[in-house]
Amino acid sequence: MHALLMTLLLITALGLIIVVLLQSGSSAGLSGAISGGAEQLFGKQKARGLDLVLERLTIILAILFFILALLVVKF
């Protein structure tokens, strides 16, 4: 059981790393950091397409990683 959980944890961790690296940056350069923050805070733009899929996949993999890590510690 422990070997199976460790294998699943490793696969989930690698998947999480890959998905995070595939995501595009939220802003480009210093000018994007200054003006982009207010736009993200007050703007109502939703992520579309591949960015949305990667964002949701990141959330799912992070939750799965957390649960698997707790199960590995317990068993």
N, C-alpha and C. Protein backbone atom coordinates (compact mmCIF):
# COMPACT_ATOMS: atom_id res chain seq x y z
N MET A 1 0.83 -1.20 0.00
CA MET A 1 0.00 0.00 0.00
C MET A 1 0.88 1.26 0.00
N HIS A 2 1.93 1.22 0.80
CA HIS A 2 2.82 2.38 0.88
C HIS A 2 3.51 2.64 -0.46
N ALA A 3 3.94 1.57 -1.13
CA ALA A 3 4.61 1.73 -2.42
C ALA A 3 3.66 2.31 -3.47
N LEU A 4 2.41 1.89 -3.44
CA LEU A 4 1.41 2.42 -4.38
C LEU A 4 1.16 3.90 -4.13
N LEU A 5 1.02 4.28 -2.85
CA LEU A 5 0.80 5.69 -2.54
C LEU A 5 2.00 6.55 -2.91
N MET A 6 3.20 6.04 -2.67
CA MET A 6 4.41 6.80 -3.03
C MET A 6 4.52 6.97 -4.54
N THR A 7 4.16 5.94 -5.28
CA THR A 7 4.20 6.02 -6.75
C THR A 7 3.19 7.05 -7.25
N LEU A 8 1.98 7.01 -6.70
CA LEU A 8 0.96 7.98 -7.10
C LEU A 8 1.38 9.40 -6.70
N LEU A 9 2.01 9.55 -5.55
CA LEU A 9 2.48 10.86 -5.10
C LEU A 9 3.56 11.39 -6.04
N LEU A 10 4.46 10.54 -6.46
CA LEU A 10 5.52 10.95 -7.39
C LEU A 10 4.95 11.36 -8.75
N ILE A 11 4.00 10.59 -9.26
CA ILE A 11 3.39 10.92 -10.55
C ILE A 11 2.62 12.24 -10.44
N THR A 12 1.90 12.43 -9.33
CA THR A 12 1.16 13.67 -9.13
C THR A 12 2.10 14.86 -9.02
N ALA A 13 3.21 14.70 -8.30
CA ALA A 13 4.17 15.79 -8.16
C ALA A 13 4.78 16.17 -9.50
N LEU A 14 5.15 15.19 -10.30
CA LEU A 14 5.71 15.48 -11.62
C LEU A 14 4.67 16.16 -12.52
N GLY A 15 3.43 15.69 -12.46
CA GLY A 15 2.36 16.32 -13.24
C GLY A 15 2.12 17.75 -12.82
N LEU A 16 2.17 18.00 -11.52
CA LEU A 16 1.98 19.36 -11.01
C LEU A 16 3.10 20.28 -11.46
N ILE A 17 4.32 19.80 -11.43
CA ILE A 17 5.45 20.60 -11.90
C ILE A 17 5.31 20.93 -13.38
N ILE A 18 4.95 19.95 -14.18
CA ILE A 18 4.81 20.17 -15.62
C ILE A 18 3.69 21.16 -15.92
N VAL A 19 2.55 21.01 -15.25
CA VAL A 19 1.41 21.90 -15.51
C VAL A 19 1.75 23.34 -15.11
N VAL A 20 2.43 23.52 -13.99
CA VAL A 20 2.80 24.87 -13.56
C VAL A 20 3.79 25.50 -14.54
N LEU A 21 4.73 24.71 -15.03
CA LEU A 21 5.70 25.25 -15.99
C LEU A 21 5.07 25.56 -17.35
N LEU A 22 3.99 24.89 -17.70
CA LEU A 22 3.32 25.15 -18.98
C LEU A 22 2.48 26.43 -18.96
N GLN A 23 2.12 26.91 -17.78
CA GLN A 23 1.29 28.10 -17.70
C GLN A 23 2.07 29.33 -18.12
N SER A 24 1.35 30.26 -18.75
CA SER A 24 2.00 31.49 -19.17
C SER A 24 2.11 32.44 -17.98
N GLY A 25 3.07 33.36 -18.06
CA GLY A 25 3.26 34.33 -16.99
C GLY A 25 2.09 35.27 -16.90
N SER A 26 1.85 35.81 -15.69
CA SER A 26 0.71 36.71 -15.52
C SER A 26 0.98 38.11 -16.05
N SER A 27 2.25 38.51 -16.11
CA SER A 27 2.58 39.82 -16.65
C SER A 27 3.96 39.76 -17.29
N ALA A 28 4.21 40.69 -18.17
CA ALA A 28 5.49 40.70 -18.87
C ALA A 28 6.26 41.97 -18.50
N GLY A 29 7.36 41.81 -17.80
CA GLY A 29 8.21 42.96 -17.49
C GLY A 29 7.68 43.81 -16.37
N LEU A 30 8.40 44.90 -16.09
CA LEU A 30 8.05 45.79 -15.00
C LEU A 30 6.79 46.60 -15.29
N SER A 31 6.59 46.98 -16.53
CA SER A 31 5.39 47.75 -16.86
C SER A 31 4.14 46.91 -16.69
N GLY A 32 4.24 45.63 -16.98
CA GLY A 32 3.10 44.74 -16.76
C GLY A 32 2.82 44.55 -15.29
N ALA A 33 3.86 44.59 -14.47
CA ALA A 33 3.67 44.43 -13.03
C ALA A 33 2.96 45.64 -12.43
N ILE A 34 3.24 46.83 -12.97
CA ILE A 34 2.62 48.03 -12.43
C ILE A 34 1.18 48.17 -12.90
N SER A 35 0.96 48.06 -14.18
CA SER A 35 -0.40 48.25 -14.70
C SER A 35 -1.22 46.97 -14.67
N GLY A 36 -0.58 45.83 -14.73
CA GLY A 36 -1.31 44.57 -14.78
C GLY A 36 -1.98 44.20 -13.48
N GLY A 37 -1.40 44.63 -12.36
CA GLY A 37 -1.99 44.31 -11.06
C GLY A 37 -3.36 44.93 -10.89
N ALA A 38 -3.50 46.19 -11.25
CA ALA A 38 -4.79 46.85 -11.14
C ALA A 38 -5.80 46.26 -12.13
N GLU A 39 -5.30 45.89 -13.29
CA GLU A 39 -6.20 45.31 -14.28
C GLU A 39 -6.73 43.96 -13.82
N GLN A 40 -5.89 43.17 -13.19
CA GLN A 40 -6.34 41.88 -12.68
C GLN A 40 -7.26 42.04 -11.48
N LEU A 41 -6.99 43.06 -10.66
CA LEU A 41 -7.79 43.27 -9.46
C LEU A 41 -9.18 43.78 -9.81
N PHE A 42 -9.25 44.76 -10.71
CA PHE A 42 -10.53 45.39 -11.01
C PHE A 42 -11.15 44.90 -12.31
N GLY A 43 -10.39 44.25 -13.17
CA GLY A 43 -10.92 43.78 -14.43
C GLY A 43 -11.76 42.54 -14.26
N LYS A 44 -12.63 42.30 -15.21
CA LYS A 44 -13.51 41.14 -15.13
C LYS A 44 -13.21 40.17 -16.26
N GLN A 45 -11.95 40.11 -16.67
CA GLN A 45 -11.58 39.21 -17.75
C GLN A 45 -11.41 37.81 -17.18
N LYS A 46 -11.97 36.86 -17.86
CA LYS A 46 -11.85 35.46 -17.45
C LYS A 46 -10.81 34.79 -18.33
N ALA A 47 -10.10 33.85 -17.74
CA ALA A 47 -9.15 33.07 -18.52
C ALA A 47 -9.91 32.17 -19.49
N ARG A 48 -9.38 32.02 -20.68
CA ARG A 48 -10.06 31.21 -21.69
C ARG A 48 -9.09 30.22 -22.30
N GLY A 49 -9.63 29.16 -22.82
CA GLY A 49 -8.85 28.21 -23.58
C GLY A 49 -7.88 27.41 -22.73
N LEU A 50 -6.66 27.32 -23.22
CA LEU A 50 -5.64 26.50 -22.60
C LEU A 50 -5.27 26.99 -21.21
N ASP A 51 -5.25 28.30 -21.00
CA ASP A 51 -4.93 28.84 -19.68
C ASP A 51 -5.94 28.39 -18.63
N LEU A 52 -7.21 28.36 -18.99
CA LEU A 52 -8.25 27.92 -18.07
C LEU A 52 -8.09 26.45 -17.73
N VAL A 53 -7.80 25.63 -18.73
CA VAL A 53 -7.62 24.20 -18.52
C VAL A 53 -6.42 23.95 -17.61
N LEU A 54 -5.32 24.65 -17.85
CA LEU A 54 -4.13 24.48 -17.03
C LEU A 54 -4.36 24.95 -15.60
N GLU A 55 -5.12 26.01 -15.44
CA GLU A 55 -5.42 26.52 -14.10
C GLU A 55 -6.24 25.50 -13.31
N ARG A 56 -7.26 24.96 -13.94
CA ARG A 56 -8.11 23.97 -13.26
C ARG A 56 -7.34 22.68 -12.98
N LEU A 57 -6.50 22.27 -13.91
CA LEU A 57 -5.68 21.07 -13.72
C LEU A 57 -4.69 21.27 -12.58
N THR A 58 -4.16 22.47 -12.44
CA THR A 58 -3.25 22.77 -11.33
C THR A 58 -3.97 22.63 -10.00
N ILE A 59 -5.17 23.14 -9.91
CA ILE A 59 -5.95 23.04 -8.67
C ILE A 59 -6.25 21.59 -8.33
N ILE A 60 -6.66 20.82 -9.32
CA ILE A 60 -6.98 19.41 -9.10
C ILE A 60 -5.74 18.63 -8.66
N LEU A 61 -4.63 18.84 -9.34
CA LEU A 61 -3.40 18.13 -8.99
C LEU A 61 -2.87 18.54 -7.62
N ALA A 62 -3.03 19.81 -7.26
CA ALA A 62 -2.57 20.27 -5.95
C ALA A 62 -3.38 19.63 -4.83
N ILE A 63 -4.69 19.55 -5.01
CA ILE A 63 -5.54 18.90 -4.01
C ILE A 63 -5.21 17.42 -3.91
N LEU A 64 -5.03 16.76 -5.04
CA LEU A 64 -4.66 15.34 -5.05
C LEU A 64 -3.31 15.12 -4.39
N PHE A 65 -2.35 16.00 -4.65
CA PHE A 65 -1.03 15.91 -4.03
C PHE A 65 -1.14 16.04 -2.51
N PHE A 66 -1.92 16.98 -2.04
CA PHE A 66 -2.09 17.20 -0.61
C PHE A 66 -2.71 15.97 0.06
N ILE A 67 -3.75 15.40 -0.55
CA ILE A 67 -4.41 14.23 0.01
C ILE A 67 -3.46 13.04 0.03
N LEU A 68 -2.74 12.82 -1.07
CA LEU A 68 -1.80 11.71 -1.13
C LEU A 68 -0.67 11.86 -0.12
N ALA A 69 -0.19 13.09 0.08
CA ALA A 69 0.86 13.32 1.06
C ALA A 69 0.38 12.99 2.47
N LEU A 70 -0.85 13.36 2.77
CA LEU A 70 -1.41 13.01 4.09
C LEU A 70 -1.57 11.51 4.25
N LEU A 71 -1.99 10.83 3.18
CA LEU A 71 -2.16 9.38 3.24
C LEU A 71 -0.82 8.66 3.40
N VAL A 72 0.23 9.17 2.76
CA VAL A 72 1.56 8.55 2.88
C VAL A 72 2.05 8.67 4.31
N VAL A 73 1.81 9.81 4.94
CA VAL A 73 2.25 10.00 6.32
C VAL A 73 1.48 9.06 7.26
N LYS A 74 0.19 8.87 6.97
CA LYS A 74 -0.64 8.03 7.82
C LYS A 74 -0.27 6.55 7.70
N PHE A 75 0.05 6.08 6.52
CA PHE A 75 0.33 4.66 6.32
C PHE A 75 1.79 4.40 6.35
